[in-house]
Amino acid sequence: MNIIFYGHACFGIEINGTHVLVDPFITGNPLASHINIEDLKADYILLTHAHQDHILDVEVIAERTGAIIVSNYEIVMHYGAKNLKGHPVNHGGTFKTETFSAKYVNAVHTSSFPDGSYGGQPGGFVISNEEKSLYIAGDTAVTMDMKLIPMTTKLSAAIFPIGDNFTMGVEDAIIASNLVECNKIIGCHFNTFPPIEINTEEAKNKFAKANKELTILEIGKSLTL
């Protein structure tokens, strides 16, 4: 499972030749100006919620690649009305393919499209194949529902927002890592806008003091689980 960071909360995940793109917000992010969305591969696009900083580039990428959009019912119906392919899920449900599964789990946040219309309830995804499992929390506060995840899944890593203000911050992300019983954390949703700017070295040190590893990927860089 290879994970590429495209900035903010956008990741590309390659799983045995299948390309999954999560929350594509690239062209609106000055920090990701060196990423060309025309070069991105996507068989599936997973969306945690409908806020613009998670869906901005969905239509352009889905139209070019023919990717299947996987998200809550309201988001998939929204894009279905634009003649884009999709598969709706809801909390507790699992989308399955030959190479991976993606379970839609709870997140505590809001969800609306840029025009203010309802974007369904926000969520996160637990993505698994036969070897590895990755939890993408989406935009969320720390929540006790996270304790449910290790009851069924041993995580290889978890992607948490750490920028505070709109989501949980570093301290709560450390608590969340305890709840999901995972010590390998990848940070997202930080430094894109002034309200979520953080000191990343300080954040890594706080995780290290808790005997955990916080990985801060440079935009365009990758790691393999």
C-alpha atoms as a PDB file:
ATOM      1  CA  MET A   1       0.000   0.000   0.000  1.00  0.00           C
ATOM      2  CA  ASN A   2       1.733   3.167  -1.256  1.00  0.00           C
ATOM      3  CA  ILE A   3       0.489   6.539   0.054  1.00  0.00           C
ATOM      4  CA  ILE A   4       1.198   9.850  -1.702  1.00  0.00           C
ATOM      5  CA  PHE A   5       0.387  13.209  -0.083  1.00  0.00           C
ATOM      6  CA  TYR A   6      -1.086  15.831  -2.425  1.00  0.00           C
ATOM      7  CA  GLY A   7      -1.570  18.497   0.217  1.00  0.00           C
ATOM      8  CA  HIS A   8      -4.189  19.455   2.811  1.00  0.00           C
ATOM      9  CA  ALA A   9      -6.291  16.266   3.193  1.00  0.00           C
ATOM     10  CA  CYS A  10      -5.715  14.793  -0.272  1.00  0.00           C
ATOM     11  CA  PHE A  11      -3.935  11.475  -0.639  1.00  0.00           C
ATOM     12  CA  GLY A  12      -3.365   9.017  -3.444  1.00  0.00           C
ATOM     13  CA  ILE A  13      -3.249   5.373  -2.391  1.00  0.00           C
ATOM     14  CA  GLU A  14      -1.984   2.652  -4.708  1.00  0.00           C
ATOM     15  CA  ILE A  15      -3.144  -0.826  -3.719  1.00  0.00           C
ATOM     16  CA  ASN A  16      -1.925  -3.684  -5.903  1.00  0.00           C
ATOM     17  CA  GLY A  17      -2.269  -1.616  -9.072  1.00  0.00           C
ATOM     18  CA  THR A  18      -5.558   0.051  -8.088  1.00  0.00           C
ATOM     19  CA  HIS A  19      -5.443   3.829  -7.617  1.00  0.00           C
ATOM     20  CA  VAL A  20      -7.572   5.459  -4.918  1.00  0.00           C
ATOM     21  CA  LEU A  21      -7.735   9.240  -4.556  1.00  0.00           C
ATOM     22  CA  VAL A  22      -9.048  10.766  -1.326  1.00  0.00           C
ATOM     23  CA  ASP A  23     -10.548  14.273  -0.929  1.00  0.00           C
ATOM     24  CA  PRO A  24      -8.995  16.011  -3.961  1.00  0.00           C
ATOM     25  CA  PHE A  25      -8.326  19.666  -3.149  1.00  0.00           C
ATOM     26  CA  ILE A  26      -5.235  20.612  -5.141  1.00  0.00           C
ATOM     27  CA  THR A  27      -5.789  23.471  -7.596  1.00  0.00           C
ATOM     28  CA  GLY A  28      -7.061  25.707  -4.796  1.00  0.00           C
ATOM     29  CA  ASN A  29      -4.054  25.013  -2.577  1.00  0.00           C
ATOM     30  CA  PRO A  30      -1.028  27.262  -3.281  1.00  0.00           C
ATOM     31  CA  LEU A  31       1.180  24.823  -1.362  1.00  0.00           C
ATOM     32  CA  ALA A  32       0.365  22.158  -3.984  1.00  0.00           C
ATOM     33  CA  SER A  33       0.960  24.349  -7.050  1.00  0.00           C
ATOM     34  CA  HIS A  34       3.590  21.896  -8.327  1.00  0.00           C
ATOM     35  CA  ILE A  35       1.029  19.061  -8.515  1.00  0.00           C
ATOM     36  CA  ASN A  36      -0.602  18.680 -11.943  1.00  0.00           C
ATOM     37  CA  ILE A  37      -4.028  17.091 -11.529  1.00  0.00           C
ATOM     38  CA  GLU A  38      -3.901  15.934 -15.146  1.00  0.00           C
ATOM     39  CA  ASP A  39      -1.181  13.499 -14.112  1.00  0.00           C
ATOM     40  CA  LEU A  40      -3.129  11.915 -11.262  1.00  0.00           C
ATOM     41  CA  LYS A  41      -4.439   8.377 -11.588  1.00  0.00           C
ATOM     42  CA  ALA A  42      -7.785   7.464 -10.055  1.00  0.00           C
ATOM     43  CA  ASP A  43      -9.895   4.333 -10.311  1.00  0.00           C
ATOM     44  CA  TYR A  44     -11.870   5.395  -7.240  1.00  0.00           C
ATOM     45  CA  ILE A  45     -12.347   8.753  -5.518  1.00  0.00           C
ATOM     46  CA  LEU A  46     -13.242   8.568  -1.825  1.00  0.00           C
ATOM     47  CA  LEU A  47     -14.840  11.654  -0.282  1.00  0.00           C
ATOM     48  CA  THR A  48     -15.173  12.118   3.460  1.00  0.00           C
ATOM     49  CA  HIS A  49     -17.555  15.086   3.226  1.00  0.00           C
ATOM     50  CA  ALA A  50     -18.698  17.901   0.926  1.00  0.00           C
ATOM     51  CA  HIS A  51     -16.663  20.930   2.019  1.00  0.00           C
ATOM     52  CA  GLN A  52     -14.856  22.676  -0.818  1.00  0.00           C
ATOM     53  CA  ASP A  53     -11.416  21.959   0.609  1.00  0.00           C
ATOM     54  CA  HIS A  54     -12.131  18.248   0.065  1.00  0.00           C
ATOM     55  CA  ILE A  55     -14.025  18.177  -3.252  1.00  0.00           C
ATOM     56  CA  LEU A  56     -12.721  21.061  -5.388  1.00  0.00           C
ATOM     57  CA  ASP A  57     -11.118  18.895  -8.091  1.00  0.00           C
ATOM     58  CA  VAL A  58     -13.511  15.946  -8.031  1.00  0.00           C
ATOM     59  CA  GLU A  59     -15.394  16.702 -11.226  1.00  0.00           C
ATOM     60  CA  VAL A  60     -12.366  17.396 -13.429  1.00  0.00           C
ATOM     61  CA  ILE A  61     -10.539  14.272 -12.244  1.00  0.00           C
ATOM     62  CA  ALA A  62     -13.607  11.999 -12.369  1.00  0.00           C
ATOM     63  CA  GLU A  63     -14.532  13.150 -15.869  1.00  0.00           C
ATOM     64  CA  ARG A  64     -11.008  12.485 -17.155  1.00  0.00           C
ATOM     65  CA  THR A  65     -10.405   9.156 -15.413  1.00  0.00           C
ATOM     66  CA  GLY A  66     -13.912   7.696 -15.228  1.00  0.00           C
ATOM     67  CA  ALA A  67     -13.293   7.061 -11.519  1.00  0.00           C
ATOM     68  CA  ILE A  68     -16.087   5.770  -9.292  1.00  0.00           C
ATOM     69  CA  ILE A  69     -16.915   8.239  -6.514  1.00  0.00           C
ATOM     70  CA  VAL A  70     -17.452   6.545  -3.151  1.00  0.00           C
ATOM     71  CA  SER A  71     -19.045   8.600  -0.397  1.00  0.00           C
ATOM     72  CA  ASN A  72     -22.255   9.114   1.508  1.00  0.00           C
ATOM     73  CA  TYR A  73     -25.569   8.918  -0.348  1.00  0.00           C
ATOM     74  CA  GLU A  74     -26.068  12.664  -0.691  1.00  0.00           C
ATOM     75  CA  ILE A  75     -22.623  13.321  -2.158  1.00  0.00           C
ATOM     76  CA  VAL A  76     -22.872  10.453  -4.632  1.00  0.00           C
ATOM     77  CA  MET A  77     -26.340  11.593  -5.755  1.00  0.00           C
ATOM     78  CA  HIS A  78     -24.966  15.133  -6.207  1.00  0.00           C
ATOM     79  CA  TYR A  79     -22.304  13.897  -8.609  1.00  0.00           C
ATOM     80  CA  GLY A  80     -24.618  11.364 -10.195  1.00  0.00           C
ATOM     81  CA  ALA A  81     -26.768  14.300 -11.311  1.00  0.00           C
ATOM     82  CA  LYS A  82     -23.668  15.507 -13.168  1.00  0.00           C
ATOM     83  CA  ASN A  83     -23.385  12.126 -14.929  1.00  0.00           C
ATOM     84  CA  LEU A  84     -20.422  10.973 -12.879  1.00  0.00           C
ATOM     85  CA  LYS A  85     -20.167   7.391 -11.672  1.00  0.00           C
ATOM     86  CA  GLY A  86     -20.555   6.663  -7.981  1.00  0.00           C
ATOM     87  CA  HIS A  87     -21.322   4.169  -5.269  1.00  0.00           C
ATOM     88  CA  PRO A  88     -23.149   5.413  -2.129  1.00  0.00           C
ATOM     89  CA  VAL A  89     -22.390   4.114   1.346  1.00  0.00           C
ATOM     90  CA  ASN A  90     -23.492   5.091   4.813  1.00  0.00           C
ATOM     91  CA  HIS A  91     -21.981   4.758   8.273  1.00  0.00           C
ATOM     92  CA  GLY A  92     -21.050   1.168   9.078  1.00  0.00           C
ATOM     93  CA  GLY A  93     -21.263   0.111   5.433  1.00  0.00           C
ATOM     94  CA  THR A  94     -18.327  -1.297   3.474  1.00  0.00           C
ATOM     95  CA  PHE A  95     -17.543  -0.775  -0.210  1.00  0.00           C
ATOM     96  CA  LYS A  96     -15.680  -3.792  -1.591  1.00  0.00           C
ATOM     97  CA  THR A  97     -13.573  -4.351  -4.693  1.00  0.00           C
ATOM     98  CA  GLU A  98     -11.233  -7.158  -5.735  1.00  0.00           C
ATOM     99  CA  THR A  99      -8.215  -5.281  -4.354  1.00  0.00           C
ATOM    100  CA  PHE A 100      -9.472  -3.394  -1.284  1.00  0.00           C
ATOM    101  CA  SER A 101     -12.422  -2.611   0.954  1.00  0.00           C
ATOM    102  CA  ALA A 102     -13.415   0.784   2.377  1.00  0.00           C
ATOM    103  CA  LYS A 103     -15.635   0.959   5.457  1.00  0.00           C
ATOM    104  CA  TYR A 104     -17.392   4.283   6.095  1.00  0.00           C
ATOM    105  CA  VAL A 105     -17.091   5.209   9.764  1.00  0.00           C
ATOM    106  CA  ASN A 106     -18.217   8.073  11.966  1.00  0.00           C
ATOM    107  CA  ALA A 107     -16.668  11.532  12.025  1.00  0.00           C
ATOM    108  CA  VAL A 108     -17.749  14.532  14.082  1.00  0.00           C
ATOM    109  CA  HIS A 109     -17.819  17.536  11.761  1.00  0.00           C
ATOM    110  CA  THR A 110     -20.219  19.288   9.356  1.00  0.00           C
ATOM    111  CA  SER A 111     -20.807  18.738   5.640  1.00  0.00           C
ATOM    112  CA  SER A 112     -22.179  21.106   3.036  1.00  0.00           C
ATOM    113  CA  PHE A 113     -21.380  21.884  -0.581  1.00  0.00           C
ATOM    114  CA  PRO A 114     -19.881  25.289  -1.482  1.00  0.00           C
ATOM    115  CA  ASP A 115     -23.356  26.572  -2.429  1.00  0.00           C
ATOM    116  CA  GLY A 116     -24.606  25.720   1.075  1.00  0.00           C
ATOM    117  CA  SER A 117     -26.647  22.677   0.063  1.00  0.00           C
ATOM    118  CA  TYR A 118     -26.691  19.619   2.291  1.00  0.00           C
ATOM    119  CA  GLY A 119     -23.706  17.292   1.929  1.00  0.00           C
ATOM    120  CA  GLY A 120     -24.907  14.401   4.059  1.00  0.00           C
ATOM    121  CA  GLN A 121     -23.178  13.301   7.243  1.00  0.00           C
ATOM    122  CA  PRO A 122     -19.358  13.380   7.322  1.00  0.00           C
ATOM    123  CA  GLY A 123     -17.317  10.235   7.772  1.00  0.00           C
ATOM    124  CA  GLY A 124     -13.954   8.572   7.572  1.00  0.00           C
ATOM    125  CA  PHE A 125     -12.763   5.396   5.862  1.00  0.00           C
ATOM    126  CA  VAL A 126     -10.999   2.251   7.011  1.00  0.00           C
ATOM    127  CA  ILE A 127      -9.250   0.989   3.886  1.00  0.00           C
ATOM    128  CA  SER A 128      -8.020  -2.595   3.956  1.00  0.00           C
ATOM    129  CA  ASN A 129      -6.514  -5.268   1.759  1.00  0.00           C
ATOM    130  CA  GLU A 130      -5.160  -8.666   2.723  1.00  0.00           C
ATOM    131  CA  GLU A 131      -1.921  -7.229   4.140  1.00  0.00           C
ATOM    132  CA  LYS A 132      -2.578  -3.734   5.491  1.00  0.00           C
ATOM    133  CA  SER A 133      -5.277  -1.466   6.918  1.00  0.00           C
ATOM    134  CA  LEU A 134      -5.316   2.335   6.866  1.00  0.00           C
ATOM    135  CA  TYR A 135      -7.728   4.568   8.772  1.00  0.00           C
ATOM    136  CA  ILE A 136      -8.475   7.934   7.176  1.00  0.00           C
ATOM    137  CA  ALA A 137     -10.292   9.888   9.860  1.00  0.00           C
ATOM    138  CA  GLY A 138     -11.495  12.738   7.647  1.00  0.00           C
ATOM    139  CA  ASP A 139     -12.247  16.063   9.282  1.00  0.00           C
ATOM    140  CA  THR A 140     -13.249  15.196  12.822  1.00  0.00           C
ATOM    141  CA  ALA A 141     -12.975  15.835  16.512  1.00  0.00           C
ATOM    142  CA  VAL A 142     -11.638  13.035  18.646  1.00  0.00           C
ATOM    143  CA  THR A 143     -14.586  10.752  19.361  1.00  0.00           C
ATOM    144  CA  MET A 144     -15.136   7.657  21.461  1.00  0.00           C
ATOM    145  CA  ASP A 145     -16.499   5.921  18.350  1.00  0.00           C
ATOM    146  CA  MET A 146     -12.867   5.512  17.332  1.00  0.00           C
ATOM    147  CA  LYS A 147     -12.618   2.766  19.958  1.00  0.00           C
ATOM    148  CA  LEU A 148     -14.795   0.582  17.713  1.00  0.00           C
ATOM    149  CA  ILE A 149     -12.177   0.414  14.952  1.00  0.00           C
ATOM    150  CA  PRO A 150      -9.587  -1.840  16.671  1.00  0.00           C
ATOM    151  CA  MET A 151     -12.369  -4.220  17.686  1.00  0.00           C
ATOM    152  CA  THR A 152     -12.449  -5.434  14.078  1.00  0.00           C
ATOM    153  CA  THR A 153      -9.299  -4.078  12.429  1.00  0.00           C
ATOM    154  CA  LYS A 154      -5.612  -3.956  13.328  1.00  0.00           C
ATOM    155  CA  LEU A 155      -4.414  -0.733  11.749  1.00  0.00           C
ATOM    156  CA  SER A 156      -1.085  -0.387   9.967  1.00  0.00           C
ATOM    157  CA  ALA A 157      -1.363   3.430  10.071  1.00  0.00           C
ATOM    158  CA  ALA A 158      -3.885   6.211  10.571  1.00  0.00           C
ATOM    159  CA  ILE A 159      -4.260   9.573   8.847  1.00  0.00           C
ATOM    160  CA  PHE A 160      -5.420  12.258  11.281  1.00  0.00           C
ATOM    161  CA  PRO A 161      -6.098  15.975  10.902  1.00  0.00           C
ATOM    162  CA  ILE A 162      -3.782  17.860  13.252  1.00  0.00           C
ATOM    163  CA  GLY A 163      -4.354  21.531  12.421  1.00  0.00           C
ATOM    164  CA  ASP A 164      -6.889  22.283  15.171  1.00  0.00           C
ATOM    165  CA  ASN A 165      -9.565  25.018  14.815  1.00  0.00           C
ATOM    166  CA  PHE A 166     -11.758  23.119  12.304  1.00  0.00           C
ATOM    167  CA  THR A 167     -10.711  19.626  13.457  1.00  0.00           C
ATOM    168  CA  MET A 168      -8.857  18.049  16.339  1.00  0.00           C
ATOM    169  CA  GLY A 169      -5.363  19.314  17.049  1.00  0.00           C
ATOM    170  CA  VAL A 170      -2.164  17.516  17.969  1.00  0.00           C
ATOM    171  CA  GLU A 171      -3.049  16.701  21.570  1.00  0.00           C
ATOM    172  CA  ASP A 172      -6.423  15.248  20.625  1.00  0.00           C
ATOM    173  CA  ALA A 173      -4.853  13.356  17.728  1.00  0.00           C
ATOM    174  CA  ILE A 174      -2.576  11.647  20.233  1.00  0.00           C
ATOM    175  CA  ILE A 175      -5.662  10.655  22.239  1.00  0.00           C
ATOM    176  CA  ALA A 176      -7.277   9.416  19.019  1.00  0.00           C
ATOM    177  CA  SER A 177      -4.233   7.279  18.254  1.00  0.00           C
ATOM    178  CA  ASN A 178      -4.704   5.607  21.628  1.00  0.00           C
ATOM    179  CA  LEU A 179      -8.371   4.953  20.912  1.00  0.00           C
ATOM    180  CA  VAL A 180      -7.656   3.304  17.555  1.00  0.00           C
ATOM    181  CA  GLU A 181      -4.606   1.502  19.013  1.00  0.00           C
ATOM    182  CA  CYS A 182      -2.230   2.716  16.320  1.00  0.00           C
ATOM    183  CA  ASN A 183       1.164   4.324  16.911  1.00  0.00           C
ATOM    184  CA  LYS A 184       1.969   5.207  13.280  1.00  0.00           C
ATOM    185  CA  ILE A 185       0.182   8.453  12.392  1.00  0.00           C
ATOM    186  CA  ILE A 186       0.275  10.511   9.185  1.00  0.00           C
ATOM    187  CA  GLY A 187      -0.703  14.147   9.621  1.00  0.00           C
ATOM    188  CA  CYS A 188      -3.018  16.159   7.371  1.00  0.00           C
ATOM    189  CA  HIS A 189      -5.247  19.260   7.379  1.00  0.00           C
ATOM    190  CA  PHE A 190      -2.548  21.642   8.620  1.00  0.00           C
ATOM    191  CA  ASN A 191      -0.748  24.773   7.338  1.00  0.00           C
ATOM    192  CA  THR A 192      -3.022  25.255   4.310  1.00  0.00           C
ATOM    193  CA  PHE A 193      -4.755  28.305   5.799  1.00  0.00           C
ATOM    194  CA  PRO A 194      -3.751  30.654   8.670  1.00  0.00           C
ATOM    195  CA  PRO A 195      -6.263  29.189  11.192  1.00  0.00           C
ATOM    196  CA  ILE A 196      -4.665  25.734  10.885  1.00  0.00           C
ATOM    197  CA  GLU A 197      -0.975  26.676  10.821  1.00  0.00           C
ATOM    198  CA  ILE A 198       1.099  24.661  13.298  1.00  0.00           C
ATOM    199  CA  ASN A 199       4.696  23.999  14.228  1.00  0.00           C
ATOM    200  CA  THR A 200       5.248  20.578  12.671  1.00  0.00           C
ATOM    201  CA  GLU A 201       8.492  19.848  14.519  1.00  0.00           C
ATOM    202  CA  GLU A 202       6.771  20.567  17.819  1.00  0.00           C
ATOM    203  CA  ALA A 203       3.912  18.293  16.772  1.00  0.00           C
ATOM    204  CA  LYS A 204       6.313  15.431  15.964  1.00  0.00           C
ATOM    205  CA  ASN A 205       8.031  15.903  19.310  1.00  0.00           C
ATOM    206  CA  LYS A 206       4.725  15.677  21.174  1.00  0.00           C
ATOM    207  CA  PHE A 207       3.934  12.389  19.433  1.00  0.00           C
ATOM    208  CA  ALA A 208       7.418  11.090  20.150  1.00  0.00           C
ATOM    209  CA  LYS A 209       7.003  11.871  23.855  1.00  0.00           C
ATOM    210  CA  ALA A 210       3.860   9.720  23.731  1.00  0.00           C
ATOM    211  CA  ASN A 211       5.948   6.900  22.153  1.00  0.00           C
ATOM    212  CA  LYS A 212       4.272   7.382  18.782  1.00  0.00           C
ATOM    213  CA  GLU A 213       5.477   8.328  15.309  1.00  0.00           C
ATOM    214  CA  LEU A 214       3.974  11.313  13.493  1.00  0.00           C
ATOM    215  CA  THR A 215       4.904  11.421   9.816  1.00  0.00           C
ATOM    216  CA  ILE A 216       4.649  14.779   8.056  1.00  0.00           C
ATOM    217  CA  LEU A 217       4.924  14.109   4.332  1.00  0.00           C
ATOM    218  CA  GLU A 218       6.077  16.809   1.926  1.00  0.00           C
ATOM    219  CA  ILE A 219       3.517  17.443  -0.794  1.00  0.00           C
ATOM    220  CA  GLY A 220       4.203  15.045  -3.654  1.00  0.00           C
ATOM    221  CA  LYS A 221       6.176  12.625  -1.466  1.00  0.00           C
ATOM    222  CA  SER A 222       5.106   9.107  -0.532  1.00  0.00           C
ATOM    223  CA  LEU A 223       5.565   6.274   1.917  1.00  0.00           C
ATOM    224  CA  THR A 224       4.863   2.568   1.723  1.00  0.00           C
ATOM    225  CA  LEU A 225       3.110   0.583   4.438  1.00  0.00           C
END
